[in-house]
């Protein structure tokens, strides 16, 4: 005879889908840069923020927001560059890069 076992647990892993803001205003509800979505492995995913001169001003996990601050002070209005890598639970990997507009 052969023993057989069936599980009643279904494991569904969501596809990697995410979105990034293109602008933030530290004085409103839209006050942070954060990668939001589904299927993101936040333990592996990260982003880095640079100012216009290429100086790194933030490096965070994808689930940790950047509130337009550097050294506990608000950054000036302007365009900032972000780069990073977003990993999915199914093995997906997407490189991200773009700009974020800080408006006050």
PDB file of N, CA and C in Angstrom:
ATOM      1  N   UNK A   1       0.835  -1.184   0.000  1.00  0.00           N
ATOM      2  CA  UNK A   1       0.000   0.000   0.000  1.00  0.00           C
ATOM      3  C   UNK A   1       0.878   1.245   0.000  1.00  0.00           C
ATOM      4  N   UNK A   2       0.283   2.347  -0.413  1.00  0.00           N
ATOM      5  CA  UNK A   2       0.984   3.624  -0.469  1.00  0.00           C
ATOM      6  C   UNK A   2       0.224   4.644   0.360  1.00  0.00           C
ATOM      7  N   UNK A   3       0.965   5.395   1.167  1.00  0.00           N
ATOM      8  CA  UNK A   3       0.342   6.463   1.947  1.00  0.00           C
ATOM      9  C   UNK A   3       0.256   7.720   1.088  1.00  0.00           C
ATOM     10  N   UNK A   4      -0.852   8.426   1.206  1.00  0.00           N
ATOM     11  CA  UNK A   4      -1.060   9.653   0.467  1.00  0.00           C
ATOM     12  C   UNK A   4      -1.571  10.717   1.417  1.00  0.00           C
ATOM     13  N   UNK A   5      -1.074  11.931   1.222  1.00  0.00           N
ATOM     14  CA  UNK A   5      -1.515  13.042   2.058  1.00  0.00           C
ATOM     15  C   UNK A   5      -1.813  14.232   1.159  1.00  0.00           C
ATOM     16  N   UNK A   6      -2.900  14.921   1.450  1.00  0.00           N
ATOM     17  CA  UNK A   6      -3.280  16.106   0.706  1.00  0.00           C
ATOM     18  C   UNK A   6      -3.369  17.284   1.673  1.00  0.00           C
ATOM     19  N   UNK A   7      -2.896  18.399   1.244  1.00  0.00           N
ATOM     20  CA  UNK A   7      -2.935  19.609   2.071  1.00  0.00           C
ATOM     21  C   UNK A   7      -4.173  20.408   1.734  1.00  0.00           C
ATOM     22  N   UNK A   8      -4.744  21.016   2.760  1.00  0.00           N
ATOM     23  CA  UNK A   8      -5.887  21.892   2.521  1.00  0.00           C
ATOM     24  C   UNK A   8      -5.465  23.366   2.497  1.00  0.00           C
ATOM     25  N   UNK A   9      -4.164  23.605   2.428  1.00  0.00           N
ATOM     26  CA  UNK A   9      -3.646  24.967   2.370  1.00  0.00           C
ATOM     27  C   UNK A   9      -3.202  25.266   0.945  1.00  0.00           C
ATOM     28  N   UNK A  10      -3.695  26.371   0.412  1.00  0.00           N
ATOM     29  CA  UNK A  10      -3.314  26.798  -0.929  1.00  0.00           C
ATOM     30  C   UNK A  10      -2.415  28.022  -0.781  1.00  0.00           C
ATOM     31  N   UNK A  11      -1.239  27.942  -1.347  1.00  0.00           N
ATOM     32  CA  UNK A  11      -0.301  29.062  -1.278  1.00  0.00           C
ATOM     33  C   UNK A  11      -0.350  29.816  -2.606  1.00  0.00           C
ATOM     34  N   UNK A  12      -0.850  31.013  -2.552  1.00  0.00           N
ATOM     35  CA  UNK A  12      -0.906  31.850  -3.745  1.00  0.00           C
ATOM     36  C   UNK A  12       0.106  32.967  -3.599  1.00  0.00           C
ATOM     37  N   UNK A  13       1.017  33.036  -4.512  1.00  0.00           N
ATOM     38  CA  UNK A  13       1.980  34.130  -4.526  1.00  0.00           C
ATOM     39  C   UNK A  13       1.564  35.098  -5.617  1.00  0.00           C
ATOM     40  N   UNK A  14       1.462  36.349  -5.241  1.00  0.00           N
ATOM     41  CA  UNK A  14       1.025  37.359  -6.196  1.00  0.00           C
ATOM     42  C   UNK A  14       2.171  37.759  -7.109  1.00  0.00           C
ATOM     43  N   UNK A  15       1.806  38.153  -8.324  1.00  0.00           N
ATOM     44  CA  UNK A  15       2.791  38.670  -9.272  1.00  0.00           C
ATOM     45  C   UNK A  15       3.334  40.003  -8.767  1.00  0.00           C
ATOM     46  N   UNK A  16       4.538  40.333  -9.204  1.00  0.00           N
ATOM     47  CA  UNK A  16       5.167  41.590  -8.818  1.00  0.00           C
ATOM     48  C   UNK A  16       4.509  42.745  -9.562  1.00  0.00           C
ATOM     49  N   UNK A  17       3.837  43.609  -8.816  1.00  0.00           N
ATOM     50  CA  UNK A  17       3.210  44.809  -9.347  1.00  0.00           C
ATOM     51  C   UNK A  17       3.508  45.926  -8.353  1.00  0.00           C
ATOM     52  N   UNK A  18       4.062  47.045  -8.834  1.00  0.00           N
ATOM     53  CA  UNK A  18       4.368  48.132  -7.905  1.00  0.00           C
ATOM     54  C   UNK A  18       4.219  49.480  -8.596  1.00  0.00           C
ATOM     55  N   UNK A  19       4.190  50.517  -7.774  1.00  0.00           N
ATOM     56  CA  UNK A  19       4.043  51.871  -8.278  1.00  0.00           C
ATOM     57  C   UNK A  19       4.923  52.795  -7.454  1.00  0.00           C
ATOM     58  N   UNK A  20       5.365  53.862  -8.093  1.00  0.00           N
ATOM     59  CA  UNK A  20       6.229  54.846  -7.450  1.00  0.00           C
ATOM     60  C   UNK A  20       5.645  56.240  -7.651  1.00  0.00           C
ATOM     61  N   UNK A  21       5.760  57.122  -6.647  1.00  0.00           N
ATOM     62  CA  UNK A  21       5.282  58.488  -6.852  1.00  0.00           C
ATOM     63  C   UNK A  21       6.246  59.276  -7.735  1.00  0.00           C
ATOM     64  N   UNK A  22       5.731  60.261  -8.429  1.00  0.00           N
ATOM     65  CA  UNK A  22       6.595  61.109  -9.260  1.00  0.00           C
ATOM     66  C   UNK A  22       6.850  62.459  -8.603  1.00  0.00           C
ATOM     67  N   UNK A  23       6.100  62.758  -7.555  1.00  0.00           N
ATOM     68  CA  UNK A  23       6.298  64.005  -6.842  1.00  0.00           C
ATOM     69  C   UNK A  23       5.789  63.890  -5.420  1.00  0.00           C
ATOM     70  N   UNK A  24       6.419  64.626  -4.512  1.00  0.00           N
ATOM     71  CA  UNK A  24       5.974  64.647  -3.125  1.00  0.00           C
ATOM     72  C   UNK A  24       6.024  66.078  -2.598  1.00  0.00           C
ATOM     73  N   UNK A  25       5.190  66.348  -1.607  1.00  0.00           N
ATOM     74  CA  UNK A  25       5.157  67.639  -0.933  1.00  0.00           C
ATOM     75  C   UNK A  25       5.181  67.368   0.565  1.00  0.00           C
ATOM     76  N   UNK A  26       6.279  67.692   1.245  1.00  0.00           N
ATOM     77  CA  UNK A  26       6.402  67.373   2.668  1.00  0.00           C
ATOM     78  C   UNK A  26       5.337  68.002   3.560  1.00  0.00           C
ATOM     79  N   UNK A  27       4.586  68.986   3.070  1.00  0.00           N
ATOM     80  CA  UNK A  27       3.590  69.656   3.905  1.00  0.00           C
ATOM     81  C   UNK A  27       2.170  69.139   3.666  1.00  0.00           C
ATOM     82  N   UNK A  28       1.997  68.101   2.846  1.00  0.00           N
ATOM     83  CA  UNK A  28       0.663  67.558   2.553  1.00  0.00           C
ATOM     84  C   UNK A  28       0.619  66.073   2.898  1.00  0.00           C
ATOM     85  N   UNK A  29      -0.496  65.424   2.577  1.00  0.00           N
ATOM     86  CA  UNK A  29      -0.620  63.985   2.812  1.00  0.00           C
ATOM     87  C   UNK A  29       0.290  63.184   1.879  1.00  0.00           C
ATOM     88  N   UNK A  30       0.616  63.753   0.735  1.00  0.00           N
ATOM     89  CA  UNK A  30       1.529  63.112  -0.215  1.00  0.00           C
ATOM     90  C   UNK A  30       2.957  63.515   0.143  1.00  0.00           C
ATOM     91  N   UNK A  31       3.421  63.053   1.312  1.00  0.00           N
ATOM     92  CA  UNK A  31       4.662  63.566   1.885  1.00  0.00           C
ATOM     93  C   UNK A  31       5.816  62.570   1.920  1.00  0.00           C
ATOM     94  N   UNK A  32       5.738  61.496   1.128  1.00  0.00           N
ATOM     95  CA  UNK A  32       6.798  60.490   1.210  1.00  0.00           C
ATOM     96  C   UNK A  32       6.988  59.758  -0.104  1.00  0.00           C
ATOM     97  N   UNK A  33       8.195  59.277  -0.291  1.00  0.00           N
ATOM     98  CA  UNK A  33       8.521  58.400  -1.416  1.00  0.00           C
ATOM     99  C   UNK A  33       8.518  56.986  -0.869  1.00  0.00           C
ATOM    100  N   UNK A  34       7.757  56.106  -1.488  1.00  0.00           N
ATOM    101  CA  UNK A  34       7.614  54.734  -1.006  1.00  0.00           C
ATOM    102  C   UNK A  34       7.213  53.841  -2.170  1.00  0.00           C
ATOM    103  N   UNK A  35       7.778  52.659  -2.235  1.00  0.00           N
ATOM    104  CA  UNK A  35       7.395  51.683  -3.257  1.00  0.00           C
ATOM    105  C   UNK A  35       6.219  50.892  -2.709  1.00  0.00           C
ATOM    106  N   UNK A  36       5.078  50.987  -3.381  1.00  0.00           N
ATOM    107  CA  UNK A  36       3.892  50.260  -2.941  1.00  0.00           C
ATOM    108  C   UNK A  36       3.459  49.300  -4.036  1.00  0.00           C
ATOM    109  N   UNK A  37       2.859  48.199  -3.629  1.00  0.00           N
ATOM    110  CA  UNK A  37       2.379  47.229  -4.601  1.00  0.00           C
ATOM    111  C   UNK A  37       2.151  45.874  -3.980  1.00  0.00           C
ATOM    112  N   UNK A  38       2.165  44.858  -4.829  1.00  0.00           N
ATOM    113  CA  UNK A  38       1.918  43.486  -4.396  1.00  0.00           C
ATOM    114  C   UNK A  38       3.056  42.590  -4.857  1.00  0.00           C
ATOM    115  N   UNK A  39       3.288  41.527  -4.122  1.00  0.00           N
ATOM    116  CA  UNK A  39       4.299  40.545  -4.494  1.00  0.00           C
ATOM    117  C   UNK A  39       5.723  41.023  -4.308  1.00  0.00           C
ATOM    118  N   UNK A  40       5.940  42.086  -3.534  1.00  0.00           N
ATOM    119  CA  UNK A  40       7.278  42.652  -3.333  1.00  0.00           C
ATOM    120  C   UNK A  40       7.956  41.963  -2.157  1.00  0.00           C
ATOM    121  N   UNK A  41       9.166  41.493  -2.373  1.00  0.00           N
ATOM    122  CA  UNK A  41       9.982  40.955  -1.286  1.00  0.00           C
ATOM    123  C   UNK A  41      10.768  42.121  -0.681  1.00  0.00           C
ATOM    124  N   UNK A  42      10.199  42.723   0.348  1.00  0.00           N
ATOM    125  CA  UNK A  42      10.801  43.912   0.945  1.00  0.00           C
ATOM    126  C   UNK A  42      12.130  43.621   1.647  1.00  0.00           C
ATOM    127  N   UNK A  43      12.394  42.371   1.973  1.00  0.00           N
ATOM    128  CA  UNK A  43      13.670  42.029   2.604  1.00  0.00           C
ATOM    129  C   UNK A  43      14.840  42.164   1.635  1.00  0.00           C
ATOM    130  N   UNK A  44      14.575  42.067   0.339  1.00  0.00           N
ATOM    131  CA  UNK A  44      15.628  42.173  -0.679  1.00  0.00           C
ATOM    132  C   UNK A  44      15.583  43.493  -1.443  1.00  0.00           C
ATOM    133  N   UNK A  45      14.416  44.095  -1.552  1.00  0.00           N
ATOM    134  CA  UNK A  45      14.217  45.276  -2.398  1.00  0.00           C
ATOM    135  C   UNK A  45      14.676  46.543  -1.692  1.00  0.00           C
ATOM    136  N   UNK A  46      15.211  47.473  -2.468  1.00  0.00           N
ATOM    137  CA  UNK A  46      15.718  48.726  -1.905  1.00  0.00           C
ATOM    138  C   UNK A  46      15.688  49.826  -2.961  1.00  0.00           C
ATOM    139  N   UNK A  47      15.852  51.051  -2.490  1.00  0.00           N
ATOM    140  CA  UNK A  47      16.008  52.195  -3.388  1.00  0.00           C
ATOM    141  C   UNK A  47      17.014  53.171  -2.787  1.00  0.00           C
ATOM    142  N   UNK A  48      17.600  53.986  -3.645  1.00  0.00           N
ATOM    143  CA  UNK A  48      18.563  55.005  -3.244  1.00  0.00           C
ATOM    144  C   UNK A  48      18.138  56.329  -3.862  1.00  0.00           C
ATOM    145  N   UNK A  49      18.220  57.402  -3.080  1.00  0.00           N
ATOM    146  CA  UNK A  49      17.872  58.745  -3.545  1.00  0.00           C
ATOM    147  C   UNK A  49      19.160  59.574  -3.638  1.00  0.00           C
ATOM    148  N   UNK A  50      19.284  60.327  -4.740  1.00  0.00           N
ATOM    149  CA  UNK A  50      20.447  61.199  -4.966  1.00  0.00           C
ATOM    150  C   UNK A  50      19.955  62.625  -5.223  1.00  0.00           C
ATOM    151  N   UNK A  51      20.769  63.598  -4.824  1.00  0.00           N
ATOM    152  CA  UNK A  51      20.442  64.982  -5.165  1.00  0.00           C
ATOM    153  C   UNK A  51      20.961  65.287  -6.574  1.00  0.00           C
ATOM    154  N   UNK A  52      20.795  66.512  -7.019  1.00  0.00           N
ATOM    155  CA  UNK A  52      21.156  66.865  -8.402  1.00  0.00           C
ATOM    156  C   UNK A  52      22.648  66.791  -8.681  1.00  0.00           C
ATOM    157  N   UNK A  53      23.486  66.771  -7.636  1.00  0.00           N
ATOM    158  CA  UNK A  53      24.937  66.672  -7.800  1.00  0.00           C
ATOM    159  C   UNK A  53      25.430  65.238  -7.672  1.00  0.00           C
ATOM    160  N   UNK A  54      24.512  64.292  -7.521  1.00  0.00           N
ATOM    161  CA  UNK A  54      24.882  62.884  -7.438  1.00  0.00           C
ATOM    162  C   UNK A  54      25.240  62.402  -6.050  1.00  0.00           C
ATOM    163  N   UNK A  55      25.027  63.228  -5.042  1.00  0.00           N
ATOM    164  CA  UNK A  55      25.305  62.833  -3.662  1.00  0.00           C
ATOM    165  C   UNK A  55      24.166  61.959  -3.149  1.00  0.00           C
ATOM    166  N   UNK A  56      24.512  60.803  -2.591  1.00  0.00           N
ATOM    167  CA  UNK A  56      23.503  59.913  -2.028  1.00  0.00           C
ATOM    168  C   UNK A  56      22.961  60.531  -0.747  1.00  0.00           C
ATOM    169  N   UNK A  57      21.630  60.698  -0.689  1.00  0.00           N
ATOM    170  CA  UNK A  57      21.036  61.288   0.507  1.00  0.00           C
ATOM    171  C   UNK A  57      20.107  60.334   1.252  1.00  0.00           C
ATOM    172  N   UNK A  58      19.792  59.180   0.651  1.00  0.00           N
ATOM    173  CA  UNK A  58      18.971  58.173   1.332  1.00  0.00           C
ATOM    174  C   UNK A  58      19.165  56.824   0.650  1.00  0.00           C
ATOM    175  N   UNK A  59      19.133  55.778   1.462  1.00  0.00           N
ATOM    176  CA  UNK A  59      19.120  54.401   0.948  1.00  0.00           C
ATOM    177  C   UNK A  59      18.266  53.603   1.919  1.00  0.00           C
ATOM    178  N   UNK A  60      17.121  53.121   1.435  1.00  0.00           N
ATOM    179  CA  UNK A  60      16.148  52.447   2.293  1.00  0.00           C
ATOM    180  C   UNK A  60      15.650  51.154   1.670  1.00  0.00           C
ATOM    181  N   UNK A  61      15.148  50.279   2.545  1.00  0.00           N
ATOM    182  CA  UNK A  61      14.388  49.130   2.050  1.00  0.00           C
ATOM    183  C   UNK A  61      13.139  49.665   1.359  1.00  0.00           C
ATOM    184  N   UNK A  62      12.572  48.866   0.494  1.00  0.00           N
ATOM    185  CA  UNK A  62      11.431  49.339  -0.294  1.00  0.00           C
ATOM    186  C   UNK A  62      10.194  49.642   0.546  1.00  0.00           C
ATOM    187  N   UNK A  63      10.087  49.098   1.752  1.00  0.00           N
ATOM    188  CA  UNK A  63       8.930  49.377   2.593  1.00  0.00           C
ATOM    189  C   UNK A  63       9.196  50.482   3.618  1.00  0.00           C
ATOM    190  N   UNK A  64      10.335  51.146   3.521  1.00  0.00           N
ATOM    191  CA  UNK A  64      10.656  52.259   4.410  1.00  0.00           C
ATOM    192  C   UNK A  64      10.569  53.565   3.624  1.00  0.00           C
ATOM    193  N   UNK A  65       9.719  54.497   4.059  1.00  0.00           N
ATOM    194  CA  UNK A  65       9.523  55.731   3.294  1.00  0.00           C
ATOM    195  C   UNK A  65      10.671  56.720   3.452  1.00  0.00           C
ATOM    196  N   UNK A  66      10.822  57.557   2.427  1.00  0.00           N
ATOM    197  CA  UNK A  66      11.724  58.704   2.489  1.00  0.00           C
ATOM    198  C   UNK A  66      10.845  59.939   2.559  1.00  0.00           C
ATOM    199  N   UNK A  67      11.007  60.730   3.613  1.00  0.00           N
ATOM    200  CA  UNK A  67      10.178  61.907   3.844  1.00  0.00           C
ATOM    201  C   UNK A  67      10.843  63.201   3.374  1.00  0.00           C
ATOM    202  N   UNK A  68      11.624  63.136   2.327  1.00  0.00           N
ATOM    203  CA  UNK A  68      12.297  64.315   1.750  1.00  0.00           C
ATOM    204  C   UNK A  68      13.162  64.999   2.790  1.00  0.00           C
ATOM    205  N   UNK A  69      13.936  64.179   3.509  1.00  0.00           N
ATOM    206  CA  UNK A  69      14.836  64.696   4.530  1.00  0.00           C
ATOM    207  C   UNK A  69      16.255  64.184   4.304  1.00  0.00           C
ATOM    208  N   UNK A  70      17.209  64.990   4.734  1.00  0.00           N
ATOM    209  CA  UNK A  70      18.610  64.603   4.738  1.00  0.00           C
ATOM    210  C   UNK A  70      19.232  65.198   5.995  1.00  0.00           C
ATOM    211  N   UNK A  71      19.844  64.369   6.798  1.00  0.00           N
ATOM    212  CA  UNK A  71      20.415  64.789   8.093  1.00  0.00           C
ATOM    213  C   UNK A  71      19.367  65.477   8.969  1.00  0.00           C
ATOM    214  N   UNK A  72      18.186  64.892   9.046  1.00  0.00           N
ATOM    215  CA  UNK A  72      17.053  65.371   9.855  1.00  0.00           C
ATOM    216  C   UNK A  72      16.564  66.769   9.459  1.00  0.00           C
ATOM    217  N   UNK A  73      16.860  67.213   8.259  1.00  0.00           N
ATOM    218  CA  UNK A  73      16.367  68.491   7.751  1.00  0.00           C
ATOM    219  C   UNK A  73      15.672  68.263   6.414  1.00  0.00           C
ATOM    220  N   UNK A  74      14.631  69.060   6.144  1.00  0.00           N
ATOM    221  CA  UNK A  74      13.932  68.962   4.862  1.00  0.00           C
ATOM    222  C   UNK A  74      14.862  69.366   3.732  1.00  0.00           C
ATOM    223  N   UNK A  75      14.786  68.634   2.641  1.00  0.00           N
ATOM    224  CA  UNK A  75      15.598  68.972   1.470  1.00  0.00           C
ATOM    225  C   UNK A  75      14.931  70.128   0.729  1.00  0.00           C
ATOM    226  N   UNK A  76      15.709  70.888  -0.040  1.00  0.00           N
ATOM    227  CA  UNK A  76      15.113  71.975  -0.835  1.00  0.00           C
ATOM    228  C   UNK A  76      14.217  71.414  -1.945  1.00  0.00           C
ATOM    229  N   UNK A  77      13.307  72.232  -2.413  1.00  0.00           N
ATOM    230  CA  UNK A  77      12.480  71.851  -3.559  1.00  0.00           C
ATOM    231  C   UNK A  77      13.379  71.571  -4.747  1.00  0.00           C
ATOM    232  N   UNK A  78      12.950  70.647  -5.585  1.00  0.00           N
ATOM    233  CA  UNK A  78      13.722  70.343  -6.776  1.00  0.00           C
ATOM    234  C   UNK A  78      13.545  68.907  -7.214  1.00  0.00           C
ATOM    235  N   UNK A  79      14.326  68.532  -8.198  1.00  0.00           N
ATOM    236  CA  UNK A  79      14.282  67.193  -8.773  1.00  0.00           C
ATOM    237  C   UNK A  79      15.369  66.335  -8.117  1.00  0.00           C
ATOM    238  N   UNK A  80      14.984  65.137  -7.701  1.00  0.00           N
ATOM    239  CA  UNK A  80      15.904  64.174  -7.102  1.00  0.00           C
ATOM    240  C   UNK A  80      15.836  62.887  -7.922  1.00  0.00           C
ATOM    241  N   UNK A  81      16.923  62.158  -7.944  1.00  0.00           N
ATOM    242  CA  UNK A  81      17.027  60.933  -8.735  1.00  0.00           C
ATOM    243  C   UNK A  81      16.905  59.735  -7.808  1.00  0.00           C
ATOM    244  N   UNK A  82      16.194  58.699  -8.262  1.00  0.00           N
ATOM    245  CA  UNK A  82      16.146  57.454  -7.498  1.00  0.00           C
ATOM    246  C   UNK A  82      16.580  56.299  -8.390  1.00  0.00           C
ATOM    247  N   UNK A  83      17.216  55.332  -7.780  1.00  0.00           N
ATOM    248  CA  UNK A  83      17.547  54.058  -8.422  1.00  0.00           C
ATOM    249  C   UNK A  83      17.235  52.967  -7.409  1.00  0.00           C
ATOM    250  N   UNK A  84      17.160  51.755  -7.873  1.00  0.00           N
ATOM    251  CA  UNK A  84      16.925  50.657  -6.948  1.00  0.00           C
ATOM    252  C   UNK A  84      16.629  49.366  -7.669  1.00  0.00           C
ATOM    253  N   UNK A  85      16.364  48.359  -6.857  1.00  0.00           N
ATOM    254  CA  UNK A  85      16.006  47.041  -7.373  1.00  0.00           C
ATOM    255  C   UNK A  85      14.818  46.539  -6.571  1.00  0.00           C
ATOM    256  N   UNK A  86      13.804  46.033  -7.281  1.00  0.00           N
ATOM    257  CA  UNK A  86      12.616  45.476  -6.649  1.00  0.00           C
ATOM    258  C   UNK A  86      12.562  43.996  -6.992  1.00  0.00           C
ATOM    259  N   UNK A  87      12.527  43.155  -5.958  1.00  0.00           N
ATOM    260  CA  UNK A  87      12.460  41.710  -6.114  1.00  0.00           C
ATOM    261  C   UNK A  87      11.062  41.231  -5.775  1.00  0.00           C
ATOM    262  N   UNK A  88      10.588  40.240  -6.517  1.00  0.00           N
ATOM    263  CA  UNK A  88       9.296  39.629  -6.242  1.00  0.00           C
ATOM    264  C   UNK A  88       9.471  38.270  -5.594  1.00  0.00           C
ATOM    265  N   UNK A  89       8.410  37.794  -4.963  1.00  0.00           N
ATOM    266  CA  UNK A  89       8.451  36.494  -4.288  1.00  0.00           C
ATOM    267  C   UNK A  89       8.585  35.324  -5.263  1.00  0.00           C
ATOM    268  N   UNK A  90       8.241  35.545  -6.529  1.00  0.00           N
ATOM    269  CA  UNK A  90       8.343  34.484  -7.540  1.00  0.00           C
ATOM    270  C   UNK A  90       9.682  34.505  -8.277  1.00  0.00           C
ATOM    271  N   UNK A  91      10.635  35.297  -7.776  1.00  0.00           N
ATOM    272  CA  UNK A  91      11.944  35.369  -8.410  1.00  0.00           C
ATOM    273  C   UNK A  91      12.099  36.508  -9.395  1.00  0.00           C
ATOM    274  N   UNK A  92      11.075  37.343  -9.547  1.00  0.00           N
ATOM    275  CA  UNK A  92      11.175  38.480 -10.458  1.00  0.00           C
ATOM    276  C   UNK A  92      12.191  39.489  -9.908  1.00  0.00           C
ATOM    277  N   UNK A  93      12.775  40.244 -10.814  1.00  0.00           N
ATOM    278  CA  UNK A  93      13.718  41.297 -10.439  1.00  0.00           C
ATOM    279  C   UNK A  93      13.568  42.433 -11.434  1.00  0.00           C
ATOM    280  N   UNK A  94      13.289  43.638 -10.920  1.00  0.00           N
ATOM    281  CA  UNK A  94      13.168  44.804 -11.792  1.00  0.00           C
ATOM    282  C   UNK A  94      14.045  45.922 -11.257  1.00  0.00           C
ATOM    283  N   UNK A  95      14.854  46.490 -12.154  1.00  0.00           N
ATOM    284  CA  UNK A  95      15.663  47.648 -11.809  1.00  0.00           C
ATOM    285  C   UNK A  95      14.833  48.889 -12.053  1.00  0.00           C
ATOM    286  N   UNK A  96      14.845  49.808 -11.084  1.00  0.00           N
ATOM    287  CA  UNK A  96      14.072  51.032 -11.221  1.00  0.00           C
ATOM    288  C   UNK A  96      14.994  52.235 -11.221  1.00  0.00           C
ATOM    289  N   UNK A  97      14.617  53.255 -11.960  1.00  0.00           N
ATOM    290  CA  UNK A  97      15.345  54.522 -11.951  1.00  0.00           C
ATOM    291  C   UNK A  97      14.430  55.593 -12.494  1.00  0.00           C
ATOM    292  N   UNK A  98      14.592  56.787 -11.975  1.00  0.00           N
ATOM    293  CA  UNK A  98      13.742  57.880 -12.409  1.00  0.00           C
ATOM    294  C   UNK A  98      13.977  59.102 -11.552  1.00  0.00           C
ATOM    295  N   UNK A  99      13.043  60.034 -11.633  1.00  0.00           N
ATOM    296  CA  UNK A  99      13.155  61.278 -10.879  1.00  0.00           C
ATOM    297  C   UNK A  99      11.926  61.468  -9.991  1.00  0.00           C
ATOM    298  N   UNK A 100      12.141  62.169  -8.919  1.00  0.00           N
ATOM    299  CA  UNK A 100      11.060  62.538  -8.008  1.00  0.00           C
ATOM    300  C   UNK A 100      11.139  64.047  -7.795  1.00  0.00           C
ATOM    301  N   UNK A 101      10.012  64.713  -7.915  1.00  0.00           N
ATOM    302  CA  UNK A 101       9.953  66.156  -7.775  1.00  0.00           C
ATOM    303  C   UNK A 101       9.479  66.491  -6.368  1.00  0.00           C
ATOM    304  N   UNK A 102      10.328  67.159  -5.594  1.00  0.00           N
ATOM    305  CA  UNK A 102       9.953  67.613  -4.251  1.00  0.00           C
ATOM    306  C   UNK A 102       9.444  69.041  -4.391  1.00  0.00           C
ATOM    307  N   UNK A 103       8.173  69.239  -4.026  1.00  0.00           N
ATOM    308  CA  UNK A 103       7.507  70.535  -4.166  1.00  0.00           C
ATOM    309  C   UNK A 103       7.118  71.028  -2.779  1.00  0.00           C
ATOM    310  N   UNK A 104       7.287  72.309  -2.545  1.00  0.00           N
ATOM    311  CA  UNK A 104       6.863  72.887  -1.252  1.00  0.00           C
ATOM    312  C   UNK A 104       5.956  74.068  -1.480  1.00  0.00           C
TER     313      UNK A 104
END
